Amino acid sequence: TEGWVIFVNGLNEEHTEGDLLDLFSDFGEVKQLRLPLNRRTGNPHGFALIQYGDLLAAKEAIDSLNGAECLGTVLAVEWAFKK
């Protein structure tokens, strides 16, 4: 994976890729966004992976949105991969 990937947890079935793209694009260009869906229900699993090309954008997104409320839930935002 090229870039910086963050893990977003605490999503509910109302969150869409568009909502997340709007929210996380405020910090920089989002290279890729994955919102896995339950095959049976079609609803999100409750987490997303977001990839930035820029380290500072990813750090700012984590610092700004970890613990923030979005659509009635509190988001947990952290690095997806740790050394």
C-alpha atoms as a PDB file:
ATOM      1  CA  THR A   1       0.000   0.000   0.000  1.00  0.00           C
ATOM      2  CA  GLU A   2       1.377   3.393  -0.958  1.00  0.00           C
ATOM      3  CA  GLY A   3       0.373   6.250   1.276  1.00  0.00           C
ATOM      4  CA  TRP A   4      -0.967   6.514   4.800  1.00  0.00           C
ATOM      5  CA  VAL A   5      -3.982   4.440   5.832  1.00  0.00           C
ATOM      6  CA  ILE A   6      -6.234   5.243   8.771  1.00  0.00           C
ATOM      7  CA  PHE A   7      -8.881   3.040  10.371  1.00  0.00           C
ATOM      8  CA  VAL A   8     -12.257   4.563  11.254  1.00  0.00           C
ATOM      9  CA  ASN A   9     -14.450   2.643  13.694  1.00  0.00           C
ATOM     10  CA  GLY A  10     -17.829   3.442  15.224  1.00  0.00           C
ATOM     11  CA  LEU A  11     -19.806   3.899  12.017  1.00  0.00           C
ATOM     12  CA  ASN A  12     -23.471   3.007  11.800  1.00  0.00           C
ATOM     13  CA  GLU A  13     -25.700   1.943   8.914  1.00  0.00           C
ATOM     14  CA  GLU A  14     -26.475   5.577   8.032  1.00  0.00           C
ATOM     15  CA  HIS A  15     -22.877   6.386   7.075  1.00  0.00           C
ATOM     16  CA  THR A  16     -22.185   6.330   3.345  1.00  0.00           C
ATOM     17  CA  GLU A  17     -18.985   6.525   1.314  1.00  0.00           C
ATOM     18  CA  GLY A  18     -20.052  10.020   0.238  1.00  0.00           C
ATOM     19  CA  ASP A  19     -20.466  11.183   3.848  1.00  0.00           C
ATOM     20  CA  LEU A  20     -17.035   9.873   4.772  1.00  0.00           C
ATOM     21  CA  LEU A  21     -15.396  11.283   1.658  1.00  0.00           C
ATOM     22  CA  ASP A  22     -16.854  14.735   2.412  1.00  0.00           C
ATOM     23  CA  LEU A  23     -15.701  14.556   6.029  1.00  0.00           C
ATOM     24  CA  PHE A  24     -12.185  13.234   5.446  1.00  0.00           C
ATOM     25  CA  SER A  25     -11.456  15.289   2.305  1.00  0.00           C
ATOM     26  CA  ASP A  26     -11.318  18.378   4.511  1.00  0.00           C
ATOM     27  CA  PHE A  27      -7.823  17.264   5.576  1.00  0.00           C
ATOM     28  CA  GLY A  28      -6.354  16.423   2.182  1.00  0.00           C
ATOM     29  CA  GLU A  29      -6.834  14.328  -0.918  1.00  0.00           C
ATOM     30  CA  VAL A  30      -8.311  10.922  -0.135  1.00  0.00           C
ATOM     31  CA  LYS A  31      -6.636   8.413  -2.443  1.00  0.00           C
ATOM     32  CA  GLN A  32      -8.898   5.512  -1.522  1.00  0.00           C
ATOM     33  CA  LEU A  33     -11.856   4.877   0.763  1.00  0.00           C
ATOM     34  CA  ARG A  34     -13.170   1.433   1.646  1.00  0.00           C
ATOM     35  CA  LEU A  35     -16.449   0.987   3.492  1.00  0.00           C
ATOM     36  CA  PRO A  36     -17.026  -2.790   3.663  1.00  0.00           C
ATOM     37  CA  LEU A  37     -20.658  -3.863   3.460  1.00  0.00           C
ATOM     38  CA  ASN A  38     -22.391  -6.883   4.936  1.00  0.00           C
ATOM     39  CA  ARG A  39     -23.290  -9.095   1.972  1.00  0.00           C
ATOM     40  CA  ARG A  40     -26.518 -10.254   3.572  1.00  0.00           C
ATOM     41  CA  THR A  41     -27.930  -6.893   4.693  1.00  0.00           C
ATOM     42  CA  GLY A  42     -26.049  -4.427   2.492  1.00  0.00           C
ATOM     43  CA  ASN A  43     -25.303  -2.294   5.576  1.00  0.00           C
ATOM     44  CA  PRO A  44     -21.797  -1.156   6.532  1.00  0.00           C
ATOM     45  CA  HIS A  45     -19.844  -3.348   8.948  1.00  0.00           C
ATOM     46  CA  GLY A  46     -19.149  -0.314  11.144  1.00  0.00           C
ATOM     47  CA  PHE A  47     -15.642   0.570  10.007  1.00  0.00           C
ATOM     48  CA  ALA A  48     -13.796   2.099   7.070  1.00  0.00           C
ATOM     49  CA  LEU A  49     -10.242   2.326   5.755  1.00  0.00           C
ATOM     50  CA  ILE A  50      -9.151   5.664   4.334  1.00  0.00           C
ATOM     51  CA  GLN A  51      -5.897   6.220   2.467  1.00  0.00           C
ATOM     52  CA  TYR A  52      -4.133   9.553   2.115  1.00  0.00           C
ATOM     53  CA  GLY A  53      -1.071  10.234  -0.007  1.00  0.00           C
ATOM     54  CA  ASP A  54       0.213  12.751   2.530  1.00  0.00           C
ATOM     55  CA  LEU A  55       1.345  11.939   6.077  1.00  0.00           C
ATOM     56  CA  LEU A  56       0.338  15.337   7.479  1.00  0.00           C
ATOM     57  CA  ALA A  57      -3.191  15.027   6.084  1.00  0.00           C
ATOM     58  CA  ALA A  58      -3.604  11.614   7.707  1.00  0.00           C
ATOM     59  CA  LYS A  59      -2.239  12.858  11.051  1.00  0.00           C
ATOM     60  CA  GLU A  60      -4.541  15.875  10.988  1.00  0.00           C
ATOM     61  CA  ALA A  61      -7.575  13.690  10.236  1.00  0.00           C
ATOM     62  CA  ILE A  62      -6.729  11.410  13.171  1.00  0.00           C
ATOM     63  CA  ASP A  63      -6.106  14.314  15.560  1.00  0.00           C
ATOM     64  CA  SER A  64      -9.264  16.160  14.511  1.00  0.00           C
ATOM     65  CA  LEU A  65     -11.776  13.325  14.156  1.00  0.00           C
ATOM     66  CA  ASN A  66     -10.815  10.777  16.815  1.00  0.00           C
ATOM     67  CA  GLY A  67     -13.613  11.072  19.379  1.00  0.00           C
ATOM     68  CA  ALA A  68     -15.743  13.322  17.152  1.00  0.00           C
ATOM     69  CA  GLU A  69     -19.471  12.734  16.817  1.00  0.00           C
ATOM     70  CA  CYS A  70     -20.852  11.974  13.365  1.00  0.00           C
ATOM     71  CA  LEU A  71     -24.459  10.979  12.610  1.00  0.00           C
ATOM     72  CA  GLY A  72     -25.102  10.119  16.256  1.00  0.00           C
ATOM     73  CA  THR A  73     -22.019   7.964  16.826  1.00  0.00           C
ATOM     74  CA  VAL A  74     -18.576   8.683  18.224  1.00  0.00           C
ATOM     75  CA  LEU A  75     -15.775   7.922  15.786  1.00  0.00           C
ATOM     76  CA  ALA A  76     -12.562   6.156  16.726  1.00  0.00           C
ATOM     77  CA  VAL A  77      -9.883   7.150  14.214  1.00  0.00           C
ATOM     78  CA  GLU A  78      -6.349   5.715  14.335  1.00  0.00           C
ATOM     79  CA  TRP A  79      -3.563   4.344  12.180  1.00  0.00           C
ATOM     80  CA  ALA A  80      -4.547   1.167  10.361  1.00  0.00           C
ATOM     81  CA  PHE A  81      -1.010  -0.251  10.446  1.00  0.00           C
ATOM     82  CA  LYS A  82       1.410   0.129  13.328  1.00  0.00           C
ATOM     83  CA  LYS A  83       5.032  -0.924  13.614  1.00  0.00           C
END
